[in-house]
N, C-alpha and C. Protein backbone atom coordinates (compact mmCIF):
# COMPACT_ATOMS: atom_id res chain seq x y z
N MET A 1 11.30 -7.14 1.98
CA MET A 1 10.64 -7.45 3.23
C MET A 1 9.46 -8.37 2.93
N ARG A 2 9.34 -9.44 3.67
CA ARG A 2 8.25 -10.40 3.49
C ARG A 2 7.06 -10.00 4.35
N ALA A 3 5.86 -10.35 3.84
CA ALA A 3 4.64 -10.09 4.62
C ALA A 3 4.59 -11.08 5.78
N PRO A 4 3.95 -10.71 6.88
CA PRO A 4 3.80 -11.65 7.99
C PRO A 4 3.05 -12.90 7.53
N ALA A 5 3.32 -14.02 8.18
CA ALA A 5 2.73 -15.29 7.79
C ALA A 5 1.21 -15.26 7.82
N ASP A 6 0.62 -14.43 8.68
CA ASP A 6 -0.83 -14.38 8.78
C ASP A 6 -1.45 -13.33 7.84
N ALA A 7 -0.63 -12.63 7.07
CA ALA A 7 -1.15 -11.64 6.13
C ALA A 7 -1.86 -12.34 4.97
N PRO A 8 -2.98 -11.78 4.53
CA PRO A 8 -3.69 -12.43 3.43
C PRO A 8 -2.89 -12.32 2.13
N GLU A 9 -2.83 -13.42 1.41
CA GLU A 9 -2.18 -13.42 0.11
C GLU A 9 -3.16 -12.87 -0.91
N ILE A 10 -2.73 -11.88 -1.67
CA ILE A 10 -3.57 -11.30 -2.70
C ILE A 10 -3.14 -11.88 -4.04
N ARG A 11 -4.12 -12.42 -4.78
CA ARG A 11 -3.82 -13.08 -6.05
C ARG A 11 -4.45 -12.32 -7.22
N SER A 12 -3.93 -12.63 -8.39
CA SER A 12 -4.41 -12.02 -9.63
C SER A 12 -4.83 -13.08 -10.63
N VAL A 13 -5.80 -12.71 -11.43
CA VAL A 13 -6.15 -13.49 -12.61
C VAL A 13 -5.59 -12.72 -13.79
N VAL A 14 -4.81 -13.39 -14.64
CA VAL A 14 -4.24 -12.77 -15.82
C VAL A 14 -4.64 -13.60 -17.03
N VAL A 15 -5.18 -12.92 -18.04
CA VAL A 15 -5.53 -13.57 -19.30
C VAL A 15 -4.95 -12.71 -20.42
N GLU A 16 -4.21 -13.35 -21.31
CA GLU A 16 -3.63 -12.65 -22.46
C GLU A 16 -4.10 -13.30 -23.74
N ARG A 17 -4.26 -12.47 -24.76
CA ARG A 17 -4.67 -12.99 -26.05
C ARG A 17 -4.13 -12.05 -27.13
N GLU A 18 -3.47 -12.63 -28.11
CA GLU A 18 -3.03 -11.82 -29.24
C GLU A 18 -4.15 -11.82 -30.27
N MET A 19 -4.51 -10.63 -30.71
CA MET A 19 -5.60 -10.47 -31.66
C MET A 19 -5.07 -9.81 -32.93
N PRO A 20 -5.57 -10.23 -34.09
CA PRO A 20 -5.08 -9.69 -35.36
C PRO A 20 -5.73 -8.36 -35.73
N PHE A 21 -5.81 -7.45 -34.75
CA PHE A 21 -6.45 -6.15 -34.98
C PHE A 21 -5.60 -5.06 -34.36
N PRO A 22 -5.69 -3.84 -34.89
CA PRO A 22 -4.93 -2.73 -34.29
C PRO A 22 -5.52 -2.34 -32.93
N PRO A 23 -4.71 -1.74 -32.07
CA PRO A 23 -5.20 -1.34 -30.75
C PRO A 23 -6.47 -0.48 -30.80
N ALA A 24 -6.59 0.40 -31.78
CA ALA A 24 -7.76 1.29 -31.85
C ALA A 24 -9.07 0.52 -31.93
N ARG A 25 -9.09 -0.59 -32.66
CA ARG A 25 -10.31 -1.38 -32.78
C ARG A 25 -10.66 -2.07 -31.47
N ILE A 26 -9.65 -2.58 -30.79
CA ILE A 26 -9.89 -3.25 -29.51
C ILE A 26 -10.31 -2.21 -28.47
N TRP A 27 -9.68 -1.05 -28.49
CA TRP A 27 -10.00 0.02 -27.54
C TRP A 27 -11.49 0.39 -27.63
N ARG A 28 -12.00 0.47 -28.84
CA ARG A 28 -13.44 0.78 -29.02
C ARG A 28 -14.29 -0.22 -28.25
N ALA A 29 -13.98 -1.51 -28.39
CA ALA A 29 -14.78 -2.56 -27.75
C ALA A 29 -14.62 -2.54 -26.23
N LEU A 30 -13.50 -2.01 -25.74
CA LEU A 30 -13.27 -1.92 -24.30
C LEU A 30 -13.93 -0.70 -23.67
N THR A 31 -14.29 0.31 -24.49
CA THR A 31 -14.70 1.59 -23.92
C THR A 31 -16.08 2.09 -24.36
N GLN A 32 -16.72 1.44 -25.29
CA GLN A 32 -18.04 1.90 -25.73
C GLN A 32 -19.12 1.00 -25.13
N PRO A 33 -20.02 1.58 -24.32
CA PRO A 33 -20.99 0.76 -23.59
C PRO A 33 -21.79 -0.22 -24.45
N HIS A 34 -22.21 0.19 -25.63
CA HIS A 34 -23.01 -0.74 -26.45
C HIS A 34 -22.18 -1.94 -26.90
N LEU A 35 -20.88 -1.74 -27.08
CA LEU A 35 -20.00 -2.86 -27.44
C LEU A 35 -19.63 -3.68 -26.20
N ILE A 36 -19.38 -3.03 -25.07
CA ILE A 36 -19.08 -3.74 -23.83
C ILE A 36 -20.23 -4.70 -23.51
N ALA A 37 -21.46 -4.26 -23.75
CA ALA A 37 -22.63 -5.09 -23.46
C ALA A 37 -22.65 -6.36 -24.31
N GLU A 38 -22.02 -6.33 -25.47
CA GLU A 38 -22.01 -7.50 -26.36
C GLU A 38 -21.05 -8.59 -25.88
N TRP A 39 -20.01 -8.22 -25.14
CA TRP A 39 -19.03 -9.23 -24.75
C TRP A 39 -18.86 -9.39 -23.23
N LEU A 40 -19.33 -8.41 -22.46
CA LEU A 40 -19.13 -8.48 -21.01
C LEU A 40 -20.47 -8.31 -20.29
N LEU A 41 -20.83 -7.10 -19.96
CA LEU A 41 -22.05 -6.81 -19.21
C LEU A 41 -22.61 -5.45 -19.62
N GLN A 42 -23.87 -5.20 -19.32
CA GLN A 42 -24.46 -3.87 -19.50
C GLN A 42 -23.71 -2.91 -18.58
N SER A 43 -23.49 -1.68 -19.03
CA SER A 43 -22.80 -0.70 -18.18
C SER A 43 -23.13 0.71 -18.61
N ASP A 44 -22.76 1.64 -17.75
CA ASP A 44 -22.83 3.07 -18.07
C ASP A 44 -21.40 3.62 -18.08
N PHE A 45 -20.48 2.82 -18.61
CA PHE A 45 -19.05 3.14 -18.63
C PHE A 45 -18.75 4.35 -19.51
N ALA A 46 -17.79 5.14 -19.09
CA ALA A 46 -17.18 6.19 -19.91
C ALA A 46 -15.71 6.24 -19.51
N PRO A 47 -14.79 6.35 -20.49
CA PRO A 47 -13.36 6.33 -20.18
C PRO A 47 -12.84 7.66 -19.62
N VAL A 48 -13.28 7.98 -18.40
CA VAL A 48 -12.92 9.23 -17.74
C VAL A 48 -12.42 8.88 -16.34
N VAL A 49 -11.17 9.22 -16.04
CA VAL A 49 -10.60 8.91 -14.73
C VAL A 49 -11.45 9.54 -13.63
N GLY A 50 -11.77 8.74 -12.61
CA GLY A 50 -12.57 9.19 -11.49
C GLY A 50 -14.07 8.94 -11.65
N ARG A 51 -14.49 8.54 -12.84
CA ARG A 51 -15.92 8.32 -13.08
C ARG A 51 -16.37 7.00 -12.46
N ASP A 52 -17.45 7.07 -11.70
CA ASP A 52 -18.08 5.87 -11.16
C ASP A 52 -19.02 5.31 -12.22
N PHE A 53 -19.10 3.98 -12.30
CA PHE A 53 -20.03 3.34 -13.22
C PHE A 53 -20.39 1.98 -12.65
N LYS A 54 -21.36 1.35 -13.29
CA LYS A 54 -21.82 0.04 -12.84
C LYS A 54 -21.90 -0.93 -14.01
N PHE A 55 -21.55 -2.17 -13.72
CA PHE A 55 -21.88 -3.27 -14.61
C PHE A 55 -23.12 -3.90 -14.02
N THR A 56 -24.12 -4.20 -14.83
CA THR A 56 -25.35 -4.78 -14.32
C THR A 56 -25.72 -6.04 -15.08
N GLN A 57 -26.33 -6.94 -14.34
CA GLN A 57 -26.81 -8.21 -14.87
C GLN A 57 -27.96 -8.64 -13.98
N GLU A 58 -28.75 -9.62 -14.40
CA GLU A 58 -29.89 -10.03 -13.57
C GLU A 58 -29.46 -10.52 -12.19
N TRP A 59 -28.23 -11.01 -12.05
CA TRP A 59 -27.74 -11.52 -10.76
C TRP A 59 -27.19 -10.44 -9.84
N GLY A 60 -27.08 -9.21 -10.34
CA GLY A 60 -26.61 -8.16 -9.45
C GLY A 60 -25.85 -7.05 -10.15
N VAL A 61 -25.19 -6.24 -9.33
CA VAL A 61 -24.48 -5.04 -9.79
C VAL A 61 -23.03 -5.11 -9.33
N ILE A 62 -22.14 -4.64 -10.19
CA ILE A 62 -20.72 -4.49 -9.86
C ILE A 62 -20.44 -3.00 -9.86
N ASP A 63 -20.01 -2.47 -8.72
CA ASP A 63 -19.69 -1.05 -8.62
C ASP A 63 -18.24 -0.84 -9.04
N CYS A 64 -18.02 0.16 -9.88
CA CYS A 64 -16.69 0.39 -10.44
C CYS A 64 -16.35 1.88 -10.45
N ARG A 65 -15.05 2.15 -10.57
CA ARG A 65 -14.56 3.52 -10.75
C ARG A 65 -13.35 3.46 -11.67
N VAL A 66 -13.34 4.31 -12.68
CA VAL A 66 -12.22 4.37 -13.62
C VAL A 66 -11.01 4.98 -12.90
N THR A 67 -9.87 4.28 -12.97
CA THR A 67 -8.67 4.76 -12.28
C THR A 67 -7.54 5.13 -13.24
N GLU A 68 -7.61 4.65 -14.47
CA GLU A 68 -6.53 4.93 -15.42
C GLU A 68 -7.09 4.87 -16.84
N VAL A 69 -6.73 5.84 -17.66
CA VAL A 69 -7.10 5.84 -19.07
C VAL A 69 -5.91 6.36 -19.86
N GLU A 70 -5.36 5.53 -20.68
CA GLU A 70 -4.33 5.93 -21.63
C GLU A 70 -4.79 5.38 -22.98
N PRO A 71 -5.51 6.19 -23.78
CA PRO A 71 -6.17 5.69 -24.98
C PRO A 71 -5.30 4.76 -25.83
N GLU A 72 -5.92 3.64 -26.16
CA GLU A 72 -5.33 2.61 -27.01
C GLU A 72 -4.10 1.94 -26.39
N ARG A 73 -3.84 2.19 -25.09
CA ARG A 73 -2.70 1.58 -24.40
C ARG A 73 -3.09 0.87 -23.11
N SER A 74 -3.82 1.58 -22.21
CA SER A 74 -4.19 0.95 -20.95
C SER A 74 -5.46 1.57 -20.38
N LEU A 75 -6.15 0.74 -19.63
CA LEU A 75 -7.40 1.13 -19.00
C LEU A 75 -7.50 0.35 -17.69
N ALA A 76 -7.88 1.01 -16.62
CA ALA A 76 -8.05 0.31 -15.34
C ALA A 76 -9.27 0.86 -14.63
N TYR A 77 -9.93 -0.05 -13.89
CA TYR A 77 -11.06 0.35 -13.06
C TYR A 77 -11.19 -0.60 -11.88
N THR A 78 -11.74 -0.06 -10.80
CA THR A 78 -12.02 -0.90 -9.65
C THR A 78 -13.22 -1.77 -9.98
N TRP A 79 -13.35 -2.86 -9.23
CA TRP A 79 -14.41 -3.85 -9.46
C TRP A 79 -14.82 -4.35 -8.08
N ALA A 80 -15.99 -3.91 -7.60
CA ALA A 80 -16.41 -4.24 -6.24
C ALA A 80 -17.79 -4.90 -6.28
N ALA A 81 -17.84 -6.15 -5.84
CA ALA A 81 -19.11 -6.88 -5.78
C ALA A 81 -18.95 -8.12 -4.92
N PHE A 82 -19.97 -8.42 -4.14
CA PHE A 82 -20.04 -9.66 -3.38
C PHE A 82 -18.80 -9.87 -2.50
N GLY A 83 -18.30 -8.79 -1.89
CA GLY A 83 -17.15 -8.89 -1.00
C GLY A 83 -15.80 -8.86 -1.68
N LEU A 84 -15.77 -8.80 -2.99
CA LEU A 84 -14.50 -8.73 -3.73
C LEU A 84 -14.20 -7.27 -4.06
N GLU A 85 -13.06 -6.81 -3.59
CA GLU A 85 -12.56 -5.47 -3.91
C GLU A 85 -11.33 -5.69 -4.78
N SER A 86 -11.45 -5.40 -6.06
CA SER A 86 -10.34 -5.69 -6.97
C SER A 86 -10.18 -4.57 -7.98
N THR A 87 -9.14 -4.71 -8.79
CA THR A 87 -8.89 -3.77 -9.88
C THR A 87 -8.66 -4.58 -11.15
N VAL A 88 -9.33 -4.16 -12.23
CA VAL A 88 -9.16 -4.77 -13.54
C VAL A 88 -8.33 -3.80 -14.38
N THR A 89 -7.24 -4.31 -14.96
CA THR A 89 -6.37 -3.49 -15.79
C THR A 89 -6.23 -4.14 -17.16
N TRP A 90 -6.48 -3.36 -18.19
CA TRP A 90 -6.31 -3.81 -19.58
C TRP A 90 -5.07 -3.13 -20.14
N THR A 91 -4.21 -3.90 -20.79
CA THR A 91 -3.02 -3.36 -21.44
C THR A 91 -3.01 -3.81 -22.88
N LEU A 92 -2.85 -2.88 -23.80
CA LEU A 92 -2.81 -3.17 -25.24
C LEU A 92 -1.40 -2.88 -25.74
N THR A 93 -0.77 -3.89 -26.32
CA THR A 93 0.60 -3.76 -26.83
C THR A 93 0.61 -4.13 -28.30
N PRO A 94 0.93 -3.16 -29.19
CA PRO A 94 0.99 -3.50 -30.61
C PRO A 94 2.04 -4.58 -30.88
N THR A 95 1.72 -5.48 -31.79
CA THR A 95 2.65 -6.52 -32.23
C THR A 95 2.71 -6.49 -33.75
N GLY A 96 3.59 -7.29 -34.31
CA GLY A 96 3.68 -7.37 -35.77
C GLY A 96 2.42 -7.92 -36.41
N GLN A 97 1.64 -8.70 -35.65
CA GLN A 97 0.43 -9.32 -36.18
C GLN A 97 -0.85 -8.64 -35.71
N GLY A 98 -0.76 -7.65 -34.85
CA GLY A 98 -1.96 -6.99 -34.33
C GLY A 98 -1.70 -6.39 -32.96
N THR A 99 -2.37 -6.95 -31.94
CA THR A 99 -2.27 -6.42 -30.58
C THR A 99 -2.27 -7.55 -29.57
N LEU A 100 -1.38 -7.47 -28.60
CA LEU A 100 -1.42 -8.36 -27.46
C LEU A 100 -2.27 -7.66 -26.42
N LEU A 101 -3.40 -8.28 -26.06
CA LEU A 101 -4.30 -7.74 -25.05
C LEU A 101 -4.09 -8.53 -23.76
N ARG A 102 -3.83 -7.80 -22.68
CA ARG A 102 -3.62 -8.42 -21.37
C ARG A 102 -4.64 -7.85 -20.39
N MET A 103 -5.34 -8.74 -19.71
CA MET A 103 -6.28 -8.35 -18.67
C MET A 103 -5.76 -8.94 -17.36
N GLU A 104 -5.66 -8.08 -16.34
CA GLU A 104 -5.29 -8.56 -15.02
C GLU A 104 -6.32 -8.05 -14.02
N GLN A 105 -6.89 -8.96 -13.25
CA GLN A 105 -7.77 -8.60 -12.15
C GLN A 105 -7.05 -8.98 -10.87
N VAL A 106 -6.68 -7.98 -10.09
CA VAL A 106 -5.92 -8.21 -8.86
C VAL A 106 -6.78 -7.86 -7.66
N GLY A 107 -6.68 -8.68 -6.61
CA GLY A 107 -7.39 -8.36 -5.38
C GLY A 107 -8.06 -9.56 -4.73
N PHE A 108 -7.82 -10.76 -5.23
CA PHE A 108 -8.45 -11.95 -4.66
C PHE A 108 -7.68 -12.40 -3.41
N ARG A 109 -8.39 -12.42 -2.28
CA ARG A 109 -7.78 -12.92 -1.05
C ARG A 109 -7.83 -14.46 -1.06
N ARG A 110 -7.01 -15.05 -0.21
CA ARG A 110 -6.94 -16.51 -0.13
C ARG A 110 -8.32 -17.12 0.18
N ASP A 111 -9.15 -16.43 0.97
CA ASP A 111 -10.47 -16.96 1.33
C ASP A 111 -11.52 -16.74 0.23
N GLN A 112 -11.09 -16.26 -0.93
CA GLN A 112 -12.00 -16.03 -2.05
C GLN A 112 -11.69 -16.98 -3.21
N GLU A 113 -11.40 -18.22 -2.87
CA GLU A 113 -11.01 -19.21 -3.88
C GLU A 113 -12.08 -19.41 -4.95
N GLU A 114 -13.33 -19.46 -4.54
CA GLU A 114 -14.41 -19.66 -5.52
C GLU A 114 -14.47 -18.49 -6.50
N ALA A 115 -14.38 -17.27 -5.99
CA ALA A 115 -14.38 -16.09 -6.86
C ALA A 115 -13.16 -16.09 -7.78
N PHE A 116 -12.01 -16.49 -7.24
CA PHE A 116 -10.78 -16.54 -8.04
C PHE A 116 -10.93 -17.52 -9.19
N ARG A 117 -11.38 -18.73 -8.90
CA ARG A 117 -11.55 -19.74 -9.96
C ARG A 117 -12.62 -19.31 -10.96
N GLY A 118 -13.70 -18.72 -10.45
CA GLY A 118 -14.76 -18.26 -11.34
C GLY A 118 -14.29 -17.17 -12.28
N ALA A 119 -13.51 -16.24 -11.75
CA ALA A 119 -12.99 -15.13 -12.57
C ALA A 119 -12.05 -15.65 -13.63
N ARG A 120 -11.20 -16.61 -13.26
CA ARG A 120 -10.25 -17.16 -14.24
C ARG A 120 -10.99 -17.77 -15.42
N ALA A 121 -12.03 -18.53 -15.15
CA ALA A 121 -12.81 -19.14 -16.23
C ALA A 121 -13.60 -18.09 -17.00
N ALA A 122 -14.22 -17.17 -16.29
CA ALA A 122 -15.06 -16.16 -16.93
C ALA A 122 -14.27 -15.25 -17.86
N TRP A 123 -13.11 -14.74 -17.39
CA TRP A 123 -12.35 -13.82 -18.22
C TRP A 123 -11.84 -14.48 -19.50
N THR A 124 -11.50 -15.74 -19.44
CA THR A 124 -11.08 -16.45 -20.66
C THR A 124 -12.23 -16.43 -21.67
N GLY A 125 -13.42 -16.70 -21.20
CA GLY A 125 -14.59 -16.66 -22.08
C GLY A 125 -14.89 -15.26 -22.58
N TYR A 126 -14.81 -14.28 -21.68
CA TYR A 126 -15.08 -12.90 -22.07
C TYR A 126 -14.12 -12.42 -23.15
N LEU A 127 -12.84 -12.76 -23.04
CA LEU A 127 -11.88 -12.34 -24.06
C LEU A 127 -12.19 -12.99 -25.41
N GLY A 128 -12.65 -14.22 -25.40
CA GLY A 128 -13.09 -14.84 -26.64
C GLY A 128 -14.25 -14.10 -27.26
N GLN A 129 -15.23 -13.71 -26.43
CA GLN A 129 -16.37 -12.95 -26.92
C GLN A 129 -15.93 -11.56 -27.41
N LEU A 130 -15.00 -10.95 -26.69
CA LEU A 130 -14.47 -9.65 -27.09
C LEU A 130 -13.85 -9.73 -28.48
N GLU A 131 -13.06 -10.78 -28.70
CA GLU A 131 -12.43 -10.92 -30.01
C GLU A 131 -13.48 -11.04 -31.11
N GLY A 132 -14.57 -11.73 -30.83
CA GLY A 132 -15.66 -11.83 -31.81
C GLY A 132 -16.28 -10.49 -32.11
N VAL A 133 -16.49 -9.66 -31.10
CA VAL A 133 -17.06 -8.33 -31.29
C VAL A 133 -16.10 -7.48 -32.14
N VAL A 134 -14.82 -7.53 -31.82
CA VAL A 134 -13.82 -6.75 -32.57
C VAL A 134 -13.74 -7.23 -34.02
N ALA A 135 -13.82 -8.53 -34.23
CA ALA A 135 -13.75 -9.08 -35.59
C ALA A 135 -14.90 -8.59 -36.46
N ARG A 136 -16.07 -8.41 -35.85
CA ARG A 136 -17.23 -7.92 -36.62
C ARG A 136 -17.07 -6.45 -37.00
N GLY A 137 -16.13 -5.76 -36.32
CA GLY A 137 -15.85 -4.36 -36.67
C GLY A 137 -16.87 -3.42 -36.10
């Protein structure tokens, strides 16, 4: 069944990167607040389903809630700020060379083009920074 023509199209930003590290090392950087602060934002994150937390920066606050935790495999949380209601999902898949890390942020409406383009650019940079944090061990 197709959505009505006037229904808002919901888009996703997807960024994938293969990293030469085991899932456990990447998982640490995704779930420990002091490491998250090195590659993303300050937070009071804890990997507990249902837990509310915030990402903070001088420009504002992102309200979040953990929705899925499967250690070393997947992590998801809501991401609400500046009119954007979205969900960020991380998936870790072991490979012969390390781990394929996939980040998907879903929830961008057609009228949120600036946020969509900004997120696409930002997440690419964040994953690069994440890889640097993981490489340092």
